[in-house]
């Protein structure tokens, strides 16, 4: 911990000779004078945990959904139709004729 003109700087990544040892860092973070640092670290930890949980769920949910058994098809219903490439009218821009495009061109795959 370095103090200069009322400001403090904590370098937790410094080499051990010039920086804090893990026990000194823990002692400092648990002291009363580090309450503002603890508040910032807690907020950052909650943000990081939220990000990691969302990322894990975003990757896991499609895998879980793919492993679930599909319900059986009813024998009296026809199979689902093949997707049709219907033209989608697009609004014309200035001095350009109207254009139409199929859904495969309008929506990225």
N, C-alpha and C. Protein backbone atom coordinates (compact mmCIF):
# COMPACT_ATOMS: atom_id res chain seq x y z
N UNK A 1 0.85 -1.17 0.00
CA UNK A 1 0.00 0.00 0.00
C UNK A 1 0.90 1.23 0.00
N UNK A 2 0.69 2.09 -0.95
CA UNK A 2 1.47 3.32 -1.03
C UNK A 2 0.54 4.50 -0.83
N UNK A 3 0.94 5.44 0.02
CA UNK A 3 0.13 6.63 0.27
C UNK A 3 0.90 7.85 -0.18
N UNK A 4 0.18 8.76 -0.83
CA UNK A 4 0.80 10.00 -1.27
C UNK A 4 -0.28 11.06 -1.33
N UNK A 5 -0.12 12.12 -0.59
CA UNK A 5 -1.03 13.26 -0.57
C UNK A 5 -2.48 12.85 -0.36
N UNK A 6 -2.73 11.99 0.59
CA UNK A 6 -4.09 11.61 0.94
C UNK A 6 -4.69 10.52 0.07
N UNK A 7 -4.01 10.11 -1.00
CA UNK A 7 -4.52 9.05 -1.87
C UNK A 7 -3.78 7.76 -1.56
N UNK A 8 -4.43 6.65 -1.80
CA UNK A 8 -3.80 5.35 -1.56
C UNK A 8 -3.83 4.53 -2.84
N UNK A 9 -2.80 3.75 -3.06
CA UNK A 9 -2.70 2.88 -4.22
C UNK A 9 -2.32 1.49 -3.74
N UNK A 10 -3.12 0.50 -4.11
CA UNK A 10 -2.84 -0.88 -3.73
C UNK A 10 -2.48 -1.64 -4.99
N UNK A 11 -1.26 -2.16 -5.04
CA UNK A 11 -0.80 -2.92 -6.20
C UNK A 11 -0.75 -4.39 -5.81
N UNK A 12 -1.85 -5.11 -6.11
CA UNK A 12 -1.93 -6.51 -5.73
C UNK A 12 -1.18 -7.42 -6.70
N UNK A 13 -0.80 -6.91 -7.87
CA UNK A 13 -0.10 -7.72 -8.87
C UNK A 13 1.39 -7.48 -8.89
N UNK A 14 1.91 -6.72 -7.97
CA UNK A 14 3.34 -6.41 -7.96
C UNK A 14 4.13 -7.65 -7.55
N UNK A 15 5.41 -7.64 -7.87
CA UNK A 15 6.28 -8.74 -7.46
C UNK A 15 6.33 -8.79 -5.93
N UNK A 16 6.54 -9.96 -5.33
CA UNK A 16 6.46 -10.08 -3.87
C UNK A 16 7.39 -9.15 -3.11
N UNK A 17 8.57 -8.80 -3.66
CA UNK A 17 9.48 -7.93 -2.90
C UNK A 17 8.88 -6.53 -2.71
N UNK A 18 8.22 -6.01 -3.74
CA UNK A 18 7.69 -4.65 -3.64
C UNK A 18 6.20 -4.60 -3.44
N UNK A 19 5.52 -5.74 -3.50
CA UNK A 19 4.08 -5.76 -3.37
C UNK A 19 3.62 -6.40 -2.09
N UNK A 20 2.37 -6.75 -2.06
CA UNK A 20 1.78 -7.34 -0.87
C UNK A 20 1.88 -8.86 -0.92
N UNK A 21 2.16 -9.44 0.22
CA UNK A 21 2.07 -10.89 0.31
C UNK A 21 0.59 -11.25 0.44
N UNK A 22 0.20 -12.47 0.12
CA UNK A 22 -1.21 -12.83 0.23
C UNK A 22 -1.79 -12.62 1.63
N UNK A 23 -1.02 -12.90 2.66
CA UNK A 23 -1.54 -12.70 4.02
C UNK A 23 -1.71 -11.21 4.33
N UNK A 24 -0.76 -10.39 3.86
CA UNK A 24 -0.88 -8.94 4.08
C UNK A 24 -2.05 -8.37 3.28
N UNK A 25 -2.27 -8.88 2.07
CA UNK A 25 -3.39 -8.41 1.26
C UNK A 25 -4.71 -8.79 1.91
N UNK A 26 -4.80 -10.02 2.42
CA UNK A 26 -6.02 -10.45 3.11
C UNK A 26 -6.26 -9.63 4.37
N UNK A 27 -5.18 -9.36 5.12
CA UNK A 27 -5.30 -8.56 6.34
C UNK A 27 -5.78 -7.14 6.00
N UNK A 28 -5.23 -6.57 4.92
CA UNK A 28 -5.63 -5.23 4.51
C UNK A 28 -7.09 -5.21 4.05
N UNK A 29 -7.48 -6.19 3.20
CA UNK A 29 -8.85 -6.21 2.68
C UNK A 29 -9.88 -6.44 3.78
N UNK A 30 -9.49 -7.11 4.86
CA UNK A 30 -10.43 -7.35 5.95
C UNK A 30 -10.41 -6.24 7.00
N UNK A 31 -9.52 -5.27 6.85
CA UNK A 31 -9.45 -4.18 7.83
C UNK A 31 -10.57 -3.16 7.56
N UNK A 32 -10.79 -2.28 8.55
CA UNK A 32 -11.83 -1.26 8.42
C UNK A 32 -11.49 -0.23 7.35
N UNK A 33 -10.22 0.01 7.10
CA UNK A 33 -9.84 1.05 6.13
C UNK A 33 -10.05 0.62 4.68
N UNK A 34 -10.39 -0.64 4.43
CA UNK A 34 -10.59 -1.12 3.06
C UNK A 34 -12.06 -1.36 2.74
N UNK A 35 -12.96 -0.72 3.46
CA UNK A 35 -14.38 -0.97 3.23
C UNK A 35 -14.82 -0.52 1.84
N UNK A 36 -14.27 0.58 1.32
CA UNK A 36 -14.65 1.03 -0.02
C UNK A 36 -14.13 0.07 -1.09
N UNK A 37 -12.93 -0.48 -0.88
CA UNK A 37 -12.38 -1.45 -1.84
C UNK A 37 -13.22 -2.73 -1.82
N UNK A 38 -13.65 -3.15 -0.63
CA UNK A 38 -14.48 -4.35 -0.53
C UNK A 38 -15.80 -4.16 -1.26
N UNK A 39 -16.37 -2.96 -1.17
CA UNK A 39 -17.64 -2.69 -1.86
C UNK A 39 -17.45 -2.79 -3.37
N UNK A 40 -16.36 -2.23 -3.88
CA UNK A 40 -16.09 -2.30 -5.32
C UNK A 40 -15.82 -3.73 -5.75
N UNK A 41 -15.02 -4.46 -4.96
CA UNK A 41 -14.71 -5.85 -5.30
C UNK A 41 -15.96 -6.72 -5.25
N UNK A 42 -16.84 -6.48 -4.29
CA UNK A 42 -18.08 -7.26 -4.22
C UNK A 42 -18.95 -7.00 -5.44
N UNK A 43 -19.05 -5.74 -5.85
CA UNK A 43 -19.84 -5.41 -7.03
C UNK A 43 -19.25 -6.06 -8.29
N UNK A 44 -17.94 -6.03 -8.42
CA UNK A 44 -17.28 -6.67 -9.56
C UNK A 44 -17.46 -8.19 -9.52
N UNK A 45 -17.41 -8.78 -8.34
CA UNK A 45 -17.59 -10.23 -8.21
C UNK A 45 -19.01 -10.63 -8.60
N UNK A 46 -20.00 -9.85 -8.19
CA UNK A 46 -21.38 -10.14 -8.58
C UNK A 46 -21.55 -10.02 -10.09
N UNK A 47 -20.96 -8.99 -10.69
CA UNK A 47 -21.04 -8.83 -12.14
C UNK A 47 -20.38 -9.97 -12.88
N UNK A 48 -19.21 -10.39 -12.42
CA UNK A 48 -18.50 -11.50 -13.07
C UNK A 48 -19.28 -12.81 -12.90
N UNK A 49 -19.83 -13.04 -11.72
CA UNK A 49 -20.61 -14.26 -11.51
C UNK A 49 -21.85 -14.27 -12.39
N UNK A 50 -22.52 -13.13 -12.51
CA UNK A 50 -23.70 -13.03 -13.37
C UNK A 50 -23.33 -13.33 -14.82
N UNK A 51 -22.23 -12.78 -15.29
CA UNK A 51 -21.78 -13.00 -16.65
C UNK A 51 -21.45 -14.47 -16.89
N UNK A 52 -20.74 -15.09 -15.96
CA UNK A 52 -20.36 -16.50 -16.13
C UNK A 52 -21.58 -17.43 -16.08
N UNK A 53 -22.53 -17.13 -15.21
CA UNK A 53 -23.74 -17.95 -15.12
C UNK A 53 -24.57 -17.82 -16.38
N UNK A 54 -24.73 -16.60 -16.89
CA UNK A 54 -25.49 -16.41 -18.14
C UNK A 54 -24.83 -17.13 -19.30
N UNK A 55 -23.51 -17.06 -19.39
CA UNK A 55 -22.79 -17.72 -20.47
C UNK A 55 -22.95 -19.23 -20.37
N UNK A 56 -22.84 -19.77 -19.17
CA UNK A 56 -23.00 -21.22 -18.99
C UNK A 56 -24.41 -21.67 -19.34
N UNK A 57 -25.41 -20.90 -18.93
CA UNK A 57 -26.79 -21.25 -19.26
C UNK A 57 -27.05 -21.15 -20.75
N UNK A 58 -26.51 -20.12 -21.39
CA UNK A 58 -26.70 -19.94 -22.83
C UNK A 58 -26.11 -21.12 -23.60
N UNK A 59 -25.02 -21.69 -23.11
CA UNK A 59 -24.41 -22.84 -23.78
C UNK A 59 -25.11 -24.15 -23.40
N UNK A 60 -25.62 -24.26 -22.18
CA UNK A 60 -26.16 -25.52 -21.69
C UNK A 60 -27.61 -25.76 -22.11
N UNK A 61 -28.42 -24.73 -22.20
CA UNK A 61 -29.85 -24.92 -22.47
C UNK A 61 -30.08 -25.59 -23.83
N UNK A 62 -29.43 -25.18 -24.93
CA UNK A 62 -29.66 -25.91 -26.19
C UNK A 62 -29.21 -27.37 -26.12
N UNK A 63 -28.14 -27.65 -25.38
CA UNK A 63 -27.69 -29.03 -25.25
C UNK A 63 -28.70 -29.87 -24.49
N UNK A 64 -29.27 -29.31 -23.45
CA UNK A 64 -30.28 -30.03 -22.67
C UNK A 64 -31.54 -30.24 -23.51
N UNK A 65 -31.95 -29.21 -24.25
CA UNK A 65 -33.14 -29.32 -25.08
C UNK A 65 -32.95 -30.37 -26.18
N UNK A 66 -31.74 -30.50 -26.71
CA UNK A 66 -31.48 -31.48 -27.76
C UNK A 66 -31.50 -32.91 -27.21
N UNK A 67 -31.19 -33.09 -25.94
CA UNK A 67 -31.17 -34.44 -25.37
C UNK A 67 -32.56 -34.90 -24.91
N UNK A 68 -33.50 -33.99 -24.78
CA UNK A 68 -34.85 -34.38 -24.37
C UNK A 68 -35.52 -35.17 -25.49
N UNK A 69 -36.28 -36.20 -25.16
CA UNK A 69 -36.95 -36.96 -26.22
C UNK A 69 -38.06 -36.13 -26.86
N UNK A 70 -38.18 -36.27 -28.17
CA UNK A 70 -39.23 -35.56 -28.89
C UNK A 70 -40.54 -36.33 -28.74
N UNK A 71 -41.66 -35.63 -28.62
CA UNK A 71 -42.93 -36.34 -28.50
C UNK A 71 -43.24 -37.07 -29.82
N UNK A 72 -43.94 -38.19 -29.74
CA UNK A 72 -44.24 -38.92 -30.98
C UNK A 72 -45.22 -38.13 -31.85
N UNK A 73 -45.08 -38.32 -33.16
CA UNK A 73 -45.98 -37.65 -34.09
C UNK A 73 -47.32 -38.37 -34.09
N UNK A 74 -48.36 -37.62 -34.26
CA UNK A 74 -49.68 -38.23 -34.37
C UNK A 74 -49.83 -38.82 -35.77
N UNK A 75 -50.31 -40.04 -35.88
CA UNK A 75 -50.33 -40.70 -37.19
C UNK A 75 -51.29 -40.05 -38.19
N UNK A 76 -52.31 -39.35 -37.73
CA UNK A 76 -53.28 -38.78 -38.67
C UNK A 76 -52.89 -37.39 -39.15
N UNK A 77 -51.81 -36.82 -38.62
CA UNK A 77 -51.35 -35.51 -39.09
C UNK A 77 -50.29 -35.69 -40.17
N UNK A 78 -50.33 -34.84 -41.20
CA UNK A 78 -49.31 -34.95 -42.25
C UNK A 78 -47.96 -34.45 -41.73
N UNK A 79 -46.88 -34.81 -42.41
CA UNK A 79 -45.57 -34.30 -41.99
C UNK A 79 -45.50 -32.79 -42.16
N UNK A 80 -44.62 -32.13 -41.42
CA UNK A 80 -44.54 -30.67 -41.56
C UNK A 80 -44.09 -30.30 -42.97
N UNK A 81 -44.61 -29.20 -43.49
CA UNK A 81 -44.26 -28.80 -44.86
C UNK A 81 -42.82 -28.32 -44.95
N UNK A 82 -42.27 -28.43 -46.14
CA UNK A 82 -40.94 -27.89 -46.39
C UNK A 82 -41.02 -26.37 -46.37
N UNK A 83 -39.97 -25.69 -45.93
CA UNK A 83 -40.02 -24.23 -45.94
C UNK A 83 -40.11 -23.70 -47.37
N UNK A 84 -40.95 -22.71 -47.56
CA UNK A 84 -41.14 -22.11 -48.88
C UNK A 84 -40.35 -20.82 -48.97
N UNK A 85 -39.76 -20.59 -50.13
CA UNK A 85 -39.07 -19.33 -50.38
C UNK A 85 -40.04 -18.36 -51.03
N UNK A 86 -40.83 -17.69 -50.21
CA UNK A 86 -41.78 -16.71 -50.72
C UNK A 86 -41.09 -15.37 -50.84
N UNK A 87 -41.44 -14.60 -51.86
CA UNK A 87 -40.82 -13.27 -51.98
C UNK A 87 -41.32 -12.35 -50.88
N UNK A 88 -40.41 -11.59 -50.33
CA UNK A 88 -40.74 -10.60 -49.31
C UNK A 88 -40.53 -9.23 -49.92
N UNK A 89 -41.58 -8.43 -50.06
CA UNK A 89 -41.38 -7.10 -50.66
C UNK A 89 -40.59 -6.20 -49.71
N UNK A 90 -39.62 -5.53 -50.26
CA UNK A 90 -38.80 -4.60 -49.50
C UNK A 90 -39.14 -3.18 -49.93
N UNK A 91 -39.15 -2.22 -49.01
CA UNK A 91 -39.46 -0.85 -49.41
C UNK A 91 -38.36 -0.29 -50.30
N UNK A 92 -38.76 0.44 -51.33
CA UNK A 92 -37.73 0.99 -52.23
C UNK A 92 -37.01 2.16 -51.58
N UNK A 93 -35.75 2.30 -51.92
CA UNK A 93 -35.02 3.49 -51.50
C UNK A 93 -35.16 4.54 -52.60
N UNK A 94 -34.59 5.66 -52.43
CA UNK A 94 -34.75 6.76 -53.40
C UNK A 94 -34.20 6.38 -54.77
N UNK A 95 -34.97 6.68 -55.79
CA UNK A 95 -34.59 6.51 -57.20
C UNK A 95 -34.20 5.07 -57.52
N UNK A 96 -34.77 4.11 -56.82
CA UNK A 96 -34.48 2.71 -57.09
C UNK A 96 -35.81 1.97 -57.19
N UNK A 97 -35.88 1.04 -58.12
CA UNK A 97 -37.11 0.26 -58.29
C UNK A 97 -37.32 -0.65 -57.08
N UNK A 98 -38.58 -1.00 -56.76
CA UNK A 98 -38.84 -1.90 -55.63
C UNK A 98 -38.16 -3.25 -55.85
N UNK A 99 -37.75 -3.84 -54.75
CA UNK A 99 -37.04 -5.12 -54.79
C UNK A 99 -37.79 -6.11 -53.92
N UNK A 100 -37.66 -7.38 -54.24
CA UNK A 100 -38.19 -8.40 -53.34
C UNK A 100 -37.10 -9.43 -53.13
N UNK A 101 -37.17 -10.05 -51.99
CA UNK A 101 -36.13 -10.99 -51.62
C UNK A 101 -36.77 -12.16 -50.92
N UNK A 102 -36.17 -13.32 -51.02
CA UNK A 102 -36.67 -14.49 -50.31
C UNK A 102 -36.24 -14.43 -48.86
N UNK A 103 -36.85 -15.24 -48.00
CA UNK A 103 -36.48 -15.22 -46.58
C UNK A 103 -35.05 -15.64 -46.33
N UNK A 104 -34.50 -16.47 -47.22
CA UNK A 104 -33.11 -16.88 -47.00
C UNK A 104 -32.15 -15.72 -47.19
N UNK A 105 -32.52 -14.74 -48.00
CA UNK A 105 -31.66 -13.57 -48.19
C UNK A 105 -31.92 -12.51 -47.13
N UNK A 106 -33.16 -12.47 -46.61
CA UNK A 106 -33.51 -11.43 -45.65
C UNK A 106 -33.02 -11.77 -44.25
N UNK A 107 -33.00 -13.05 -43.92
CA UNK A 107 -32.61 -13.46 -42.57
C UNK A 107 -31.31 -14.23 -42.63
N UNK A 108 -30.35 -13.87 -41.79
CA UNK A 108 -29.09 -14.62 -41.80
C UNK A 108 -29.31 -16.03 -41.26
N UNK A 109 -28.60 -16.98 -41.82
CA UNK A 109 -28.76 -18.39 -41.40
C UNK A 109 -27.96 -18.67 -40.16
